[in-house]
PDBML (XML) file of the C-alpha atoms, coordinates in Angstrom:
<?xml version="1.0" encoding="UTF-8" ?>
<PDBx:datablock datablockName="MODEL"
   xmlns:PDBx="http://pdbml.pdb.org/schema/pdbx-v50.xsd"
   xmlns:xsi="http://www.w3.org/2001/XMLSchema-instance"
   xsi:schemaLocation="http://pdbml.pdb.org/schema/pdbx-v50.xsd pdbx-v50.xsd">
   <PDBx:atom_siteCategory>
      <PDBx:atom_site id="1">
         <PDBx:B_iso_or_equiv>0.00</PDBx:B_iso_or_equiv>
         <PDBx:Cartn_x>5.006</PDBx:Cartn_x>
         <PDBx:Cartn_y>9.579</PDBx:Cartn_y>
         <PDBx:Cartn_z>-5.215</PDBx:Cartn_z>
         <PDBx:auth_asym_id>A</PDBx:auth_asym_id>
         <PDBx:auth_atom_id>CA</PDBx:auth_atom_id>
         <PDBx:auth_comp_id>SER</PDBx:auth_comp_id>
         <PDBx:auth_seq_id>1</PDBx:auth_seq_id>
         <PDBx:group_PDB>ATOM</PDBx:group_PDB>
         <PDBx:label_alt_id xsi:nil="true" />
         <PDBx:label_asym_id>A</PDBx:label_asym_id>
         <PDBx:label_atom_id>CA</PDBx:label_atom_id>
         <PDBx:label_comp_id>SER</PDBx:label_comp_id>
         <PDBx:label_entity_id>1</PDBx:label_entity_id>
         <PDBx:label_seq_id>1</PDBx:label_seq_id>
         <PDBx:occupancy>1.00</PDBx:occupancy>
         <PDBx:pdbx_PDB_model_num>1</PDBx:pdbx_PDB_model_num>
         <PDBx:type_symbol>C</PDBx:type_symbol>
      </PDBx:atom_site>
      <PDBx:atom_site id="2">
         <PDBx:B_iso_or_equiv>0.00</PDBx:B_iso_or_equiv>
         <PDBx:Cartn_x>6.656</PDBx:Cartn_x>
         <PDBx:Cartn_y>7.823</PDBx:Cartn_y>
         <PDBx:Cartn_z>-8.126</PDBx:Cartn_z>
         <PDBx:auth_asym_id>A</PDBx:auth_asym_id>
         <PDBx:auth_atom_id>CA</PDBx:auth_atom_id>
         <PDBx:auth_comp_id>GLY</PDBx:auth_comp_id>
         <PDBx:auth_seq_id>2</PDBx:auth_seq_id>
         <PDBx:group_PDB>ATOM</PDBx:group_PDB>
         <PDBx:label_alt_id xsi:nil="true" />
         <PDBx:label_asym_id>A</PDBx:label_asym_id>
         <PDBx:label_atom_id>CA</PDBx:label_atom_id>
         <PDBx:label_comp_id>GLY</PDBx:label_comp_id>
         <PDBx:label_entity_id>1</PDBx:label_entity_id>
         <PDBx:label_seq_id>2</PDBx:label_seq_id>
         <PDBx:occupancy>1.00</PDBx:occupancy>
         <PDBx:pdbx_PDB_model_num>1</PDBx:pdbx_PDB_model_num>
         <PDBx:type_symbol>C</PDBx:type_symbol>
      </PDBx:atom_site>
      <PDBx:atom_site id="3">
         <PDBx:B_iso_or_equiv>0.00</PDBx:B_iso_or_equiv>
         <PDBx:Cartn_x>5.556</PDBx:Cartn_x>
         <PDBx:Cartn_y>4.820</PDBx:Cartn_y>
         <PDBx:Cartn_z>-10.146</PDBx:Cartn_z>
         <PDBx:auth_asym_id>A</PDBx:auth_asym_id>
         <PDBx:auth_atom_id>CA</PDBx:auth_atom_id>
         <PDBx:auth_comp_id>THR</PDBx:auth_comp_id>
         <PDBx:auth_seq_id>3</PDBx:auth_seq_id>
         <PDBx:group_PDB>ATOM</PDBx:group_PDB>
         <PDBx:label_alt_id xsi:nil="true" />
         <PDBx:label_asym_id>A</PDBx:label_asym_id>
         <PDBx:label_atom_id>CA</PDBx:label_atom_id>
         <PDBx:label_comp_id>THR</PDBx:label_comp_id>
         <PDBx:label_entity_id>1</PDBx:label_entity_id>
         <PDBx:label_seq_id>3</PDBx:label_seq_id>
         <PDBx:occupancy>1.00</PDBx:occupancy>
         <PDBx:pdbx_PDB_model_num>1</PDBx:pdbx_PDB_model_num>
         <PDBx:type_symbol>C</PDBx:type_symbol>
      </PDBx:atom_site>
      <PDBx:atom_site id="4">
         <PDBx:B_iso_or_equiv>0.00</PDBx:B_iso_or_equiv>
         <PDBx:Cartn_x>6.631</PDBx:Cartn_x>
         <PDBx:Cartn_y>2.200</PDBx:Cartn_y>
         <PDBx:Cartn_z>-7.588</PDBx:Cartn_z>
         <PDBx:auth_asym_id>A</PDBx:auth_asym_id>
         <PDBx:auth_atom_id>CA</PDBx:auth_atom_id>
         <PDBx:auth_comp_id>TYR</PDBx:auth_comp_id>
         <PDBx:auth_seq_id>4</PDBx:auth_seq_id>
         <PDBx:group_PDB>ATOM</PDBx:group_PDB>
         <PDBx:label_alt_id xsi:nil="true" />
         <PDBx:label_asym_id>A</PDBx:label_asym_id>
         <PDBx:label_atom_id>CA</PDBx:label_atom_id>
         <PDBx:label_comp_id>TYR</PDBx:label_comp_id>
         <PDBx:label_entity_id>1</PDBx:label_entity_id>
         <PDBx:label_seq_id>4</PDBx:label_seq_id>
         <PDBx:occupancy>1.00</PDBx:occupancy>
         <PDBx:pdbx_PDB_model_num>1</PDBx:pdbx_PDB_model_num>
         <PDBx:type_symbol>C</PDBx:type_symbol>
      </PDBx:atom_site>
      <PDBx:atom_site id="5">
         <PDBx:B_iso_or_equiv>0.00</PDBx:B_iso_or_equiv>
         <PDBx:Cartn_x>7.278</PDBx:Cartn_x>
         <PDBx:Cartn_y>1.982</PDBx:Cartn_y>
         <PDBx:Cartn_z>-3.844</PDBx:Cartn_z>
         <PDBx:auth_asym_id>A</PDBx:auth_asym_id>
         <PDBx:auth_atom_id>CA</PDBx:auth_atom_id>
         <PDBx:auth_comp_id>GLY</PDBx:auth_comp_id>
         <PDBx:auth_seq_id>5</PDBx:auth_seq_id>
         <PDBx:group_PDB>ATOM</PDBx:group_PDB>
         <PDBx:label_alt_id xsi:nil="true" />
         <PDBx:label_asym_id>A</PDBx:label_asym_id>
         <PDBx:label_atom_id>CA</PDBx:label_atom_id>
         <PDBx:label_comp_id>GLY</PDBx:label_comp_id>
         <PDBx:label_entity_id>1</PDBx:label_entity_id>
         <PDBx:label_seq_id>5</PDBx:label_seq_id>
         <PDBx:occupancy>1.00</PDBx:occupancy>
         <PDBx:pdbx_PDB_model_num>1</PDBx:pdbx_PDB_model_num>
         <PDBx:type_symbol>C</PDBx:type_symbol>
      </PDBx:atom_site>
      <PDBx:atom_site id="6">
         <PDBx:B_iso_or_equiv>0.00</PDBx:B_iso_or_equiv>
         <PDBx:Cartn_x>7.200</PDBx:Cartn_x>
         <PDBx:Cartn_y>4.989</PDBx:Cartn_y>
         <PDBx:Cartn_z>-1.490</PDBx:Cartn_z>
         <PDBx:auth_asym_id>A</PDBx:auth_asym_id>
         <PDBx:auth_atom_id>CA</PDBx:auth_atom_id>
         <PDBx:auth_comp_id>ASN</PDBx:auth_comp_id>
         <PDBx:auth_seq_id>6</PDBx:auth_seq_id>
         <PDBx:group_PDB>ATOM</PDBx:group_PDB>
         <PDBx:label_alt_id xsi:nil="true" />
         <PDBx:label_asym_id>A</PDBx:label_asym_id>
         <PDBx:label_atom_id>CA</PDBx:label_atom_id>
         <PDBx:label_comp_id>ASN</PDBx:label_comp_id>
         <PDBx:label_entity_id>1</PDBx:label_entity_id>
         <PDBx:label_seq_id>6</PDBx:label_seq_id>
         <PDBx:occupancy>1.00</PDBx:occupancy>
         <PDBx:pdbx_PDB_model_num>1</PDBx:pdbx_PDB_model_num>
         <PDBx:type_symbol>C</PDBx:type_symbol>
      </PDBx:atom_site>
      <PDBx:atom_site id="7">
         <PDBx:B_iso_or_equiv>0.00</PDBx:B_iso_or_equiv>
         <PDBx:Cartn_x>4.089</PDBx:Cartn_x>
         <PDBx:Cartn_y>3.589</PDBx:Cartn_y>
         <PDBx:Cartn_z>0.212</PDBx:Cartn_z>
         <PDBx:auth_asym_id>A</PDBx:auth_asym_id>
         <PDBx:auth_atom_id>CA</PDBx:auth_atom_id>
         <PDBx:auth_comp_id>LYS</PDBx:auth_comp_id>
         <PDBx:auth_seq_id>7</PDBx:auth_seq_id>
         <PDBx:group_PDB>ATOM</PDBx:group_PDB>
         <PDBx:label_alt_id xsi:nil="true" />
         <PDBx:label_asym_id>A</PDBx:label_asym_id>
         <PDBx:label_atom_id>CA</PDBx:label_atom_id>
         <PDBx:label_comp_id>LYS</PDBx:label_comp_id>
         <PDBx:label_entity_id>1</PDBx:label_entity_id>
         <PDBx:label_seq_id>7</PDBx:label_seq_id>
         <PDBx:occupancy>1.00</PDBx:occupancy>
         <PDBx:pdbx_PDB_model_num>1</PDBx:pdbx_PDB_model_num>
         <PDBx:type_symbol>C</PDBx:type_symbol>
      </PDBx:atom_site>
      <PDBx:atom_site id="8">
         <PDBx:B_iso_or_equiv>0.00</PDBx:B_iso_or_equiv>
         <PDBx:Cartn_x>5.381</PDBx:Cartn_x>
         <PDBx:Cartn_y>4.751</PDBx:Cartn_y>
         <PDBx:Cartn_z>3.598</PDBx:Cartn_z>
         <PDBx:auth_asym_id>A</PDBx:auth_asym_id>
         <PDBx:auth_atom_id>CA</PDBx:auth_atom_id>
         <PDBx:auth_comp_id>GLU</PDBx:auth_comp_id>
         <PDBx:auth_seq_id>8</PDBx:auth_seq_id>
         <PDBx:group_PDB>ATOM</PDBx:group_PDB>
         <PDBx:label_alt_id xsi:nil="true" />
         <PDBx:label_asym_id>A</PDBx:label_asym_id>
         <PDBx:label_atom_id>CA</PDBx:label_atom_id>
         <PDBx:label_comp_id>GLU</PDBx:label_comp_id>
         <PDBx:label_entity_id>1</PDBx:label_entity_id>
         <PDBx:label_seq_id>8</PDBx:label_seq_id>
         <PDBx:occupancy>1.00</PDBx:occupancy>
         <PDBx:pdbx_PDB_model_num>1</PDBx:pdbx_PDB_model_num>
         <PDBx:type_symbol>C</PDBx:type_symbol>
      </PDBx:atom_site>
      <PDBx:atom_site id="9">
         <PDBx:B_iso_or_equiv>0.00</PDBx:B_iso_or_equiv>
         <PDBx:Cartn_x>4.203</PDBx:Cartn_x>
         <PDBx:Cartn_y>8.233</PDBx:Cartn_y>
         <PDBx:Cartn_z>2.533</PDBx:Cartn_z>
         <PDBx:auth_asym_id>A</PDBx:auth_asym_id>
         <PDBx:auth_atom_id>CA</PDBx:auth_atom_id>
         <PDBx:auth_comp_id>GLU</PDBx:auth_comp_id>
         <PDBx:auth_seq_id>9</PDBx:auth_seq_id>
         <PDBx:group_PDB>ATOM</PDBx:group_PDB>
         <PDBx:label_alt_id xsi:nil="true" />
         <PDBx:label_asym_id>A</PDBx:label_asym_id>
         <PDBx:label_atom_id>CA</PDBx:label_atom_id>
         <PDBx:label_comp_id>GLU</PDBx:label_comp_id>
         <PDBx:label_entity_id>1</PDBx:label_entity_id>
         <PDBx:label_seq_id>9</PDBx:label_seq_id>
         <PDBx:occupancy>1.00</PDBx:occupancy>
         <PDBx:pdbx_PDB_model_num>1</PDBx:pdbx_PDB_model_num>
         <PDBx:type_symbol>C</PDBx:type_symbol>
      </PDBx:atom_site>
      <PDBx:atom_site id="10">
         <PDBx:B_iso_or_equiv>0.00</PDBx:B_iso_or_equiv>
         <PDBx:Cartn_x>0.588</PDBx:Cartn_x>
         <PDBx:Cartn_y>7.040</PDBx:Cartn_y>
         <PDBx:Cartn_z>2.798</PDBx:Cartn_z>
         <PDBx:auth_asym_id>A</PDBx:auth_asym_id>
         <PDBx:auth_atom_id>CA</PDBx:auth_atom_id>
         <PDBx:auth_comp_id>CYS</PDBx:auth_comp_id>
         <PDBx:auth_seq_id>10</PDBx:auth_seq_id>
         <PDBx:group_PDB>ATOM</PDBx:group_PDB>
         <PDBx:label_alt_id xsi:nil="true" />
         <PDBx:label_asym_id>A</PDBx:label_asym_id>
         <PDBx:label_atom_id>CA</PDBx:label_atom_id>
         <PDBx:label_comp_id>CYS</PDBx:label_comp_id>
         <PDBx:label_entity_id>1</PDBx:label_entity_id>
         <PDBx:label_seq_id>10</PDBx:label_seq_id>
         <PDBx:occupancy>1.00</PDBx:occupancy>
         <PDBx:pdbx_PDB_model_num>1</PDBx:pdbx_PDB_model_num>
         <PDBx:type_symbol>C</PDBx:type_symbol>
      </PDBx:atom_site>
      <PDBx:atom_site id="11">
         <PDBx:B_iso_or_equiv>0.00</PDBx:B_iso_or_equiv>
         <PDBx:Cartn_x>0.023</PDBx:Cartn_x>
         <PDBx:Cartn_y>4.670</PDBx:Cartn_y>
         <PDBx:Cartn_z>5.755</PDBx:Cartn_z>
         <PDBx:auth_asym_id>A</PDBx:auth_asym_id>
         <PDBx:auth_atom_id>CA</PDBx:auth_atom_id>
         <PDBx:auth_comp_id>PRO</PDBx:auth_comp_id>
         <PDBx:auth_seq_id>11</PDBx:auth_seq_id>
         <PDBx:group_PDB>ATOM</PDBx:group_PDB>
         <PDBx:label_alt_id xsi:nil="true" />
         <PDBx:label_asym_id>A</PDBx:label_asym_id>
         <PDBx:label_atom_id>CA</PDBx:label_atom_id>
         <PDBx:label_comp_id>PRO</PDBx:label_comp_id>
         <PDBx:label_entity_id>1</PDBx:label_entity_id>
         <PDBx:label_seq_id>11</PDBx:label_seq_id>
         <PDBx:occupancy>1.00</PDBx:occupancy>
         <PDBx:pdbx_PDB_model_num>1</PDBx:pdbx_PDB_model_num>
         <PDBx:type_symbol>C</PDBx:type_symbol>
      </PDBx:atom_site>
      <PDBx:atom_site id="12">
         <PDBx:B_iso_or_equiv>0.00</PDBx:B_iso_or_equiv>
         <PDBx:Cartn_x>-3.659</PDBx:Cartn_x>
         <PDBx:Cartn_y>4.112</PDBx:Cartn_y>
         <PDBx:Cartn_z>4.860</PDBx:Cartn_z>
         <PDBx:auth_asym_id>A</PDBx:auth_asym_id>
         <PDBx:auth_atom_id>CA</PDBx:auth_atom_id>
         <PDBx:auth_comp_id>CYS</PDBx:auth_comp_id>
         <PDBx:auth_seq_id>12</PDBx:auth_seq_id>
         <PDBx:group_PDB>ATOM</PDBx:group_PDB>
         <PDBx:label_alt_id xsi:nil="true" />
         <PDBx:label_asym_id>A</PDBx:label_asym_id>
         <PDBx:label_atom_id>CA</PDBx:label_atom_id>
         <PDBx:label_comp_id>CYS</PDBx:label_comp_id>
         <PDBx:label_entity_id>1</PDBx:label_entity_id>
         <PDBx:label_seq_id>12</PDBx:label_seq_id>
         <PDBx:occupancy>1.00</PDBx:occupancy>
         <PDBx:pdbx_PDB_model_num>1</PDBx:pdbx_PDB_model_num>
         <PDBx:type_symbol>C</PDBx:type_symbol>
      </PDBx:atom_site>
      <PDBx:atom_site id="13">
         <PDBx:B_iso_or_equiv>0.00</PDBx:B_iso_or_equiv>
         <PDBx:Cartn_x>-2.682</PDBx:Cartn_x>
         <PDBx:Cartn_y>3.270</PDBx:Cartn_y>
         <PDBx:Cartn_z>1.271</PDBx:Cartn_z>
         <PDBx:auth_asym_id>A</PDBx:auth_asym_id>
         <PDBx:auth_atom_id>CA</PDBx:auth_atom_id>
         <PDBx:auth_comp_id>TYR</PDBx:auth_comp_id>
         <PDBx:auth_seq_id>13</PDBx:auth_seq_id>
         <PDBx:group_PDB>ATOM</PDBx:group_PDB>
         <PDBx:label_alt_id xsi:nil="true" />
         <PDBx:label_asym_id>A</PDBx:label_asym_id>
         <PDBx:label_atom_id>CA</PDBx:label_atom_id>
         <PDBx:label_comp_id>TYR</PDBx:label_comp_id>
         <PDBx:label_entity_id>1</PDBx:label_entity_id>
         <PDBx:label_seq_id>13</PDBx:label_seq_id>
         <PDBx:occupancy>1.00</PDBx:occupancy>
         <PDBx:pdbx_PDB_model_num>1</PDBx:pdbx_PDB_model_num>
         <PDBx:type_symbol>C</PDBx:type_symbol>
      </PDBx:atom_site>
      <PDBx:atom_site id="14">
         <PDBx:B_iso_or_equiv>0.00</PDBx:B_iso_or_equiv>
         <PDBx:Cartn_x>0.116</PDBx:Cartn_x>
         <PDBx:Cartn_y>1.024</PDBx:Cartn_y>
         <PDBx:Cartn_z>2.521</PDBx:Cartn_z>
         <PDBx:auth_asym_id>A</PDBx:auth_asym_id>
         <PDBx:auth_atom_id>CA</PDBx:auth_atom_id>
         <PDBx:auth_comp_id>ASN</PDBx:auth_comp_id>
         <PDBx:auth_seq_id>14</PDBx:auth_seq_id>
         <PDBx:group_PDB>ATOM</PDBx:group_PDB>
         <PDBx:label_alt_id xsi:nil="true" />
         <PDBx:label_asym_id>A</PDBx:label_asym_id>
         <PDBx:label_atom_id>CA</PDBx:label_atom_id>
         <PDBx:label_comp_id>ASN</PDBx:label_comp_id>
         <PDBx:label_entity_id>1</PDBx:label_entity_id>
         <PDBx:label_seq_id>14</PDBx:label_seq_id>
         <PDBx:occupancy>1.00</PDBx:occupancy>
         <PDBx:pdbx_PDB_model_num>1</PDBx:pdbx_PDB_model_num>
         <PDBx:type_symbol>C</PDBx:type_symbol>
      </PDBx:atom_site>
      <PDBx:atom_site id="15">
         <PDBx:B_iso_or_equiv>0.00</PDBx:B_iso_or_equiv>
         <PDBx:Cartn_x>-1.887</PDBx:Cartn_x>
         <PDBx:Cartn_y>-0.818</PDBx:Cartn_y>
         <PDBx:Cartn_z>5.196</PDBx:Cartn_z>
         <PDBx:auth_asym_id>A</PDBx:auth_asym_id>
         <PDBx:auth_atom_id>CA</PDBx:auth_atom_id>
         <PDBx:auth_comp_id>ASN</PDBx:auth_comp_id>
         <PDBx:auth_seq_id>15</PDBx:auth_seq_id>
         <PDBx:group_PDB>ATOM</PDBx:group_PDB>
         <PDBx:label_alt_id xsi:nil="true" />
         <PDBx:label_asym_id>A</PDBx:label_asym_id>
         <PDBx:label_atom_id>CA</PDBx:label_atom_id>
         <PDBx:label_comp_id>ASN</PDBx:label_comp_id>
         <PDBx:label_entity_id>1</PDBx:label_entity_id>
         <PDBx:label_seq_id>15</PDBx:label_seq_id>
         <PDBx:occupancy>1.00</PDBx:occupancy>
         <PDBx:pdbx_PDB_model_num>1</PDBx:pdbx_PDB_model_num>
         <PDBx:type_symbol>C</PDBx:type_symbol>
      </PDBx:atom_site>
      <PDBx:atom_site id="16">
         <PDBx:B_iso_or_equiv>0.00</PDBx:B_iso_or_equiv>
         <PDBx:Cartn_x>-5.059</PDBx:Cartn_x>
         <PDBx:Cartn_y>-1.599</PDBx:Cartn_y>
         <PDBx:Cartn_z>3.217</PDBx:Cartn_z>
         <PDBx:auth_asym_id>A</PDBx:auth_asym_id>
         <PDBx:auth_atom_id>CA</PDBx:auth_atom_id>
         <PDBx:auth_comp_id>TRP</PDBx:auth_comp_id>
         <PDBx:auth_seq_id>16</PDBx:auth_seq_id>
         <PDBx:group_PDB>ATOM</PDBx:group_PDB>
         <PDBx:label_alt_id xsi:nil="true" />
         <PDBx:label_asym_id>A</PDBx:label_asym_id>
         <PDBx:label_atom_id>CA</PDBx:label_atom_id>
         <PDBx:label_comp_id>TRP</PDBx:label_comp_id>
         <PDBx:label_entity_id>1</PDBx:label_entity_id>
         <PDBx:label_seq_id>16</PDBx:label_seq_id>
         <PDBx:occupancy>1.00</PDBx:occupancy>
         <PDBx:pdbx_PDB_model_num>1</PDBx:pdbx_PDB_model_num>
         <PDBx:type_symbol>C</PDBx:type_symbol>
      </PDBx:atom_site>
      <PDBx:atom_site id="17">
         <PDBx:B_iso_or_equiv>0.00</PDBx:B_iso_or_equiv>
         <PDBx:Cartn_x>-4.836</PDBx:Cartn_x>
         <PDBx:Cartn_y>-5.350</PDBx:Cartn_y>
         <PDBx:Cartn_z>2.483</PDBx:Cartn_z>
         <PDBx:auth_asym_id>A</PDBx:auth_asym_id>
         <PDBx:auth_atom_id>CA</PDBx:auth_atom_id>
         <PDBx:auth_comp_id>LYS</PDBx:auth_comp_id>
         <PDBx:auth_seq_id>17</PDBx:auth_seq_id>
         <PDBx:group_PDB>ATOM</PDBx:group_PDB>
         <PDBx:label_alt_id xsi:nil="true" />
         <PDBx:label_asym_id>A</PDBx:label_asym_id>
         <PDBx:label_atom_id>CA</PDBx:label_atom_id>
         <PDBx:label_comp_id>LYS</PDBx:label_comp_id>
         <PDBx:label_entity_id>1</PDBx:label_entity_id>
         <PDBx:label_seq_id>17</PDBx:label_seq_id>
         <PDBx:occupancy>1.00</PDBx:occupancy>
         <PDBx:pdbx_PDB_model_num>1</PDBx:pdbx_PDB_model_num>
         <PDBx:type_symbol>C</PDBx:type_symbol>
      </PDBx:atom_site>
      <PDBx:atom_site id="18">
         <PDBx:B_iso_or_equiv>0.00</PDBx:B_iso_or_equiv>
         <PDBx:Cartn_x>-6.827</PDBx:Cartn_x>
         <PDBx:Cartn_y>-7.956</PDBx:Cartn_y>
         <PDBx:Cartn_z>0.543</PDBx:Cartn_z>
         <PDBx:auth_asym_id>A</PDBx:auth_asym_id>
         <PDBx:auth_atom_id>CA</PDBx:auth_atom_id>
         <PDBx:auth_comp_id>THR</PDBx:auth_comp_id>
         <PDBx:auth_seq_id>18</PDBx:auth_seq_id>
         <PDBx:group_PDB>ATOM</PDBx:group_PDB>
         <PDBx:label_alt_id xsi:nil="true" />
         <PDBx:label_asym_id>A</PDBx:label_asym_id>
         <PDBx:label_atom_id>CA</PDBx:label_atom_id>
         <PDBx:label_comp_id>THR</PDBx:label_comp_id>
         <PDBx:label_entity_id>1</PDBx:label_entity_id>
         <PDBx:label_seq_id>18</PDBx:label_seq_id>
         <PDBx:occupancy>1.00</PDBx:occupancy>
         <PDBx:pdbx_PDB_model_num>1</PDBx:pdbx_PDB_model_num>
         <PDBx:type_symbol>C</PDBx:type_symbol>
      </PDBx:atom_site>
      <PDBx:atom_site id="19">
         <PDBx:B_iso_or_equiv>0.00</PDBx:B_iso_or_equiv>
         <PDBx:Cartn_x>-8.492</PDBx:Cartn_x>
         <PDBx:Cartn_y>-10.900</PDBx:Cartn_y>
         <PDBx:Cartn_z>2.296</PDBx:Cartn_z>
         <PDBx:auth_asym_id>A</PDBx:auth_asym_id>
         <PDBx:auth_atom_id>CA</PDBx:auth_atom_id>
         <PDBx:auth_comp_id>LYS</PDBx:auth_comp_id>
         <PDBx:auth_seq_id>19</PDBx:auth_seq_id>
         <PDBx:group_PDB>ATOM</PDBx:group_PDB>
         <PDBx:label_alt_id xsi:nil="true" />
         <PDBx:label_asym_id>A</PDBx:label_asym_id>
         <PDBx:label_atom_id>CA</PDBx:label_atom_id>
         <PDBx:label_comp_id>LYS</PDBx:label_comp_id>
         <PDBx:label_entity_id>1</PDBx:label_entity_id>
         <PDBx:label_seq_id>19</PDBx:label_seq_id>
         <PDBx:occupancy>1.00</PDBx:occupancy>
         <PDBx:pdbx_PDB_model_num>1</PDBx:pdbx_PDB_model_num>
         <PDBx:type_symbol>C</PDBx:type_symbol>
      </PDBx:atom_site>
      <PDBx:atom_site id="20">
         <PDBx:B_iso_or_equiv>0.00</PDBx:B_iso_or_equiv>
         <PDBx:Cartn_x>-5.314</PDBx:Cartn_x>
         <PDBx:Cartn_y>-12.862</PDBx:Cartn_y>
         <PDBx:Cartn_z>1.573</PDBx:Cartn_z>
         <PDBx:auth_asym_id>A</PDBx:auth_asym_id>
         <PDBx:auth_atom_id>CA</PDBx:auth_atom_id>
         <PDBx:auth_comp_id>GLU</PDBx:auth_comp_id>
         <PDBx:auth_seq_id>20</PDBx:auth_seq_id>
         <PDBx:group_PDB>ATOM</PDBx:group_PDB>
         <PDBx:label_alt_id xsi:nil="true" />
         <PDBx:label_asym_id>A</PDBx:label_asym_id>
         <PDBx:label_atom_id>CA</PDBx:label_atom_id>
         <PDBx:label_comp_id>GLU</PDBx:label_comp_id>
         <PDBx:label_entity_id>1</PDBx:label_entity_id>
         <PDBx:label_seq_id>20</PDBx:label_seq_id>
         <PDBx:occupancy>1.00</PDBx:occupancy>
         <PDBx:pdbx_PDB_model_num>1</PDBx:pdbx_PDB_model_num>
         <PDBx:type_symbol>C</PDBx:type_symbol>
      </PDBx:atom_site>
      <PDBx:atom_site id="21">
         <PDBx:B_iso_or_equiv>0.00</PDBx:B_iso_or_equiv>
         <PDBx:Cartn_x>-3.200</PDBx:Cartn_x>
         <PDBx:Cartn_y>-10.235</PDBx:Cartn_y>
         <PDBx:Cartn_z>3.351</PDBx:Cartn_z>
         <PDBx:auth_asym_id>A</PDBx:auth_asym_id>
         <PDBx:auth_atom_id>CA</PDBx:auth_atom_id>
         <PDBx:auth_comp_id>GLY</PDBx:auth_comp_id>
         <PDBx:auth_seq_id>21</PDBx:auth_seq_id>
         <PDBx:group_PDB>ATOM</PDBx:group_PDB>
         <PDBx:label_alt_id xsi:nil="true" />
         <PDBx:label_asym_id>A</PDBx:label_asym_id>
         <PDBx:label_atom_id>CA</PDBx:label_atom_id>
         <PDBx:label_comp_id>GLY</PDBx:label_comp_id>
         <PDBx:label_entity_id>1</PDBx:label_entity_id>
         <PDBx:label_seq_id>21</PDBx:label_seq_id>
         <PDBx:occupancy>1.00</PDBx:occupancy>
         <PDBx:pdbx_PDB_model_num>1</PDBx:pdbx_PDB_model_num>
         <PDBx:type_symbol>C</PDBx:type_symbol>
      </PDBx:atom_site>
      <PDBx:atom_site id="22">
         <PDBx:B_iso_or_equiv>0.00</PDBx:B_iso_or_equiv>
         <PDBx:Cartn_x>-1.596</PDBx:Cartn_x>
         <PDBx:Cartn_y>-8.853</PDBx:Cartn_y>
         <PDBx:Cartn_z>0.199</PDBx:Cartn_z>
         <PDBx:auth_asym_id>A</PDBx:auth_asym_id>
         <PDBx:auth_atom_id>CA</PDBx:auth_atom_id>
         <PDBx:auth_comp_id>LYS</PDBx:auth_comp_id>
         <PDBx:auth_seq_id>22</PDBx:auth_seq_id>
         <PDBx:group_PDB>ATOM</PDBx:group_PDB>
         <PDBx:label_alt_id xsi:nil="true" />
         <PDBx:label_asym_id>A</PDBx:label_asym_id>
         <PDBx:label_atom_id>CA</PDBx:label_atom_id>
         <PDBx:label_comp_id>LYS</PDBx:label_comp_id>
         <PDBx:label_entity_id>1</PDBx:label_entity_id>
         <PDBx:label_seq_id>22</PDBx:label_seq_id>
         <PDBx:occupancy>1.00</PDBx:occupancy>
         <PDBx:pdbx_PDB_model_num>1</PDBx:pdbx_PDB_model_num>
         <PDBx:type_symbol>C</PDBx:type_symbol>
      </PDBx:atom_site>
      <PDBx:atom_site id="23">
         <PDBx:B_iso_or_equiv>0.00</PDBx:B_iso_or_equiv>
         <PDBx:Cartn_x>-1.404</PDBx:Cartn_x>
         <PDBx:Cartn_y>-5.118</PDBx:Cartn_y>
         <PDBx:Cartn_z>-0.530</PDBx:Cartn_z>
         <PDBx:auth_asym_id>A</PDBx:auth_asym_id>
         <PDBx:auth_atom_id>CA</PDBx:auth_atom_id>
         <PDBx:auth_comp_id>PRO</PDBx:auth_comp_id>
         <PDBx:auth_seq_id>23</PDBx:auth_seq_id>
         <PDBx:group_PDB>ATOM</PDBx:group_PDB>
         <PDBx:label_alt_id xsi:nil="true" />
         <PDBx:label_asym_id>A</PDBx:label_asym_id>
         <PDBx:label_atom_id>CA</PDBx:label_atom_id>
         <PDBx:label_comp_id>PRO</PDBx:label_comp_id>
         <PDBx:label_entity_id>1</PDBx:label_entity_id>
         <PDBx:label_seq_id>23</PDBx:label_seq_id>
         <PDBx:occupancy>1.00</PDBx:occupancy>
         <PDBx:pdbx_PDB_model_num>1</PDBx:pdbx_PDB_model_num>
         <PDBx:type_symbol>C</PDBx:type_symbol>
      </PDBx:atom_site>
      <PDBx:atom_site id="24">
         <PDBx:B_iso_or_equiv>0.00</PDBx:B_iso_or_equiv>
         <PDBx:Cartn_x>-4.627</PDBx:Cartn_x>
         <PDBx:Cartn_y>-3.824</PDBx:Cartn_y>
         <PDBx:Cartn_z>-2.085</PDBx:Cartn_z>
         <PDBx:auth_asym_id>A</PDBx:auth_asym_id>
         <PDBx:auth_atom_id>CA</PDBx:auth_atom_id>
         <PDBx:auth_comp_id>LYS</PDBx:auth_comp_id>
         <PDBx:auth_seq_id>24</PDBx:auth_seq_id>
         <PDBx:group_PDB>ATOM</PDBx:group_PDB>
         <PDBx:label_alt_id xsi:nil="true" />
         <PDBx:label_asym_id>A</PDBx:label_asym_id>
         <PDBx:label_atom_id>CA</PDBx:label_atom_id>
         <PDBx:label_comp_id>LYS</PDBx:label_comp_id>
         <PDBx:label_entity_id>1</PDBx:label_entity_id>
         <PDBx:label_seq_id>24</PDBx:label_seq_id>
         <PDBx:occupancy>1.00</PDBx:occupancy>
         <PDBx:pdbx_PDB_model_num>1</PDBx:pdbx_PDB_model_num>
         <PDBx:type_symbol>C</PDBx:type_symbol>
      </PDBx:atom_site>
      <PDBx:atom_site id="25">
         <PDBx:B_iso_or_equiv>0.00</PDBx:B_iso_or_equiv>
         <PDBx:Cartn_x>-3.145</PDBx:Cartn_x>
         <PDBx:Cartn_y>-0.564</PDBx:Cartn_y>
         <PDBx:Cartn_z>-3.382</PDBx:Cartn_z>
         <PDBx:auth_asym_id>A</PDBx:auth_asym_id>
         <PDBx:auth_atom_id>CA</PDBx:auth_atom_id>
         <PDBx:auth_comp_id>CYS</PDBx:auth_comp_id>
         <PDBx:auth_seq_id>25</PDBx:auth_seq_id>
         <PDBx:group_PDB>ATOM</PDBx:group_PDB>
         <PDBx:label_alt_id xsi:nil="true" />
         <PDBx:label_asym_id>A</PDBx:label_asym_id>
         <PDBx:label_atom_id>CA</PDBx:label_atom_id>
         <PDBx:label_comp_id>CYS</PDBx:label_comp_id>
         <PDBx:label_entity_id>1</PDBx:label_entity_id>
         <PDBx:label_seq_id>25</PDBx:label_seq_id>
         <PDBx:occupancy>1.00</PDBx:occupancy>
         <PDBx:pdbx_PDB_model_num>1</PDBx:pdbx_PDB_model_num>
         <PDBx:type_symbol>C</PDBx:type_symbol>
      </PDBx:atom_site>
   </PDBx:atom_siteCategory>
</PDBx:datablock>
């Protein structure tokens, strides 16, 4: 929800990372 943050609501969305380990979503 919202335009920024709140990624704890969606663990899959939060935990998907790039090859460099940065957030993908």
